[in-house]
């Protein structure tokens, strides 16, 4: 099954409360819209995660699976 886009979900990204990882350019931003979690980098491409995918992503972060990306 194909994952829906933000447009297909009828979500207005501008109306969401985005939480930023830091204040400079290249920050990761996260917003929650019902059962969906949206992730973007500095307001550009938005990725959509369902609850299971988001839980798996957070588990990977906690285990250090993405640490190489910040070095």
Protein backbone atom coordinates (compact mmCIF):
# COMPACT_ATOMS: atom_id res chain seq x y z
CA UNK A 1 0.00 0.00 0.00
CA UNK A 2 1.32 3.44 -0.96
CA UNK A 3 1.77 5.99 1.79
CA UNK A 4 -0.35 9.17 1.36
CA UNK A 5 1.24 12.56 0.79
CA UNK A 6 0.56 15.59 2.97
CA UNK A 7 -1.72 16.95 0.23
CA UNK A 8 -3.68 13.68 0.01
CA UNK A 9 -4.17 13.73 3.78
CA UNK A 10 -5.60 17.26 3.52
CA UNK A 11 -3.10 18.58 6.06
CA UNK A 12 -2.02 22.24 5.94
CA UNK A 13 1.64 22.20 7.07
CA UNK A 14 1.46 25.91 7.86
CA UNK A 15 -1.26 25.31 10.44
CA UNK A 16 0.76 22.74 12.40
CA UNK A 17 2.99 23.29 15.42
CA UNK A 18 6.48 22.29 14.24
CA UNK A 19 9.16 21.38 16.79
CA UNK A 20 12.74 22.11 15.72
CA UNK A 21 15.87 20.14 16.59
CA UNK A 22 17.95 23.33 16.59
CA UNK A 23 17.76 26.94 15.42
CA UNK A 24 20.19 27.01 12.49
CA UNK A 25 19.75 25.97 8.85
CA UNK A 26 19.38 22.24 8.26
CA UNK A 27 17.32 21.68 11.40
CA UNK A 28 14.92 18.78 11.54
CA UNK A 29 11.30 19.73 12.25
CA UNK A 30 8.55 17.40 13.46
CA UNK A 31 4.78 17.95 13.65
CA UNK A 32 1.99 15.61 14.74
CA UNK A 33 -1.36 15.46 12.92
CA UNK A 34 -3.64 12.81 14.38
CA UNK A 35 -2.18 9.38 13.64
CA UNK A 36 0.46 10.85 11.33
CA UNK A 37 3.90 12.26 12.11
CA UNK A 38 5.42 14.69 9.63
CA UNK A 39 9.17 15.27 9.35
CA UNK A 40 10.86 18.00 7.34
CA UNK A 41 14.20 19.73 7.04
CA UNK A 42 14.06 23.52 7.18
CA UNK A 43 10.58 23.68 5.66
CA UNK A 44 11.32 21.73 2.50
CA UNK A 45 10.45 18.10 1.71
CA UNK A 46 7.94 16.61 4.13
CA UNK A 47 8.00 12.89 4.93
CA UNK A 48 4.90 11.20 6.36
CA UNK A 49 5.16 8.42 8.96
CA UNK A 50 2.39 6.31 10.46
CA UNK A 51 2.53 5.48 14.19
CA UNK A 52 4.47 2.23 13.70
CA UNK A 53 7.05 3.78 11.37
CA UNK A 54 7.59 6.69 13.77
CA UNK A 55 8.10 4.30 16.71
CA UNK A 56 10.68 2.36 14.67
CA UNK A 57 12.47 5.59 13.71
CA UNK A 58 12.65 6.73 17.34
CA UNK A 59 13.93 3.29 18.38
CA UNK A 60 16.72 3.59 15.80
CA UNK A 61 17.63 7.07 17.08
CA UNK A 62 17.81 5.79 20.66
CA UNK A 63 20.07 2.92 19.54
CA UNK A 64 22.44 5.30 17.72
CA UNK A 65 21.66 3.99 14.22
CA UNK A 66 21.85 7.51 12.77
CA UNK A 67 24.87 8.82 14.69
CA UNK A 68 27.09 8.52 11.61
CA UNK A 69 24.90 11.08 9.83
CA UNK A 70 25.89 13.88 12.24
CA UNK A 71 29.65 13.34 12.21
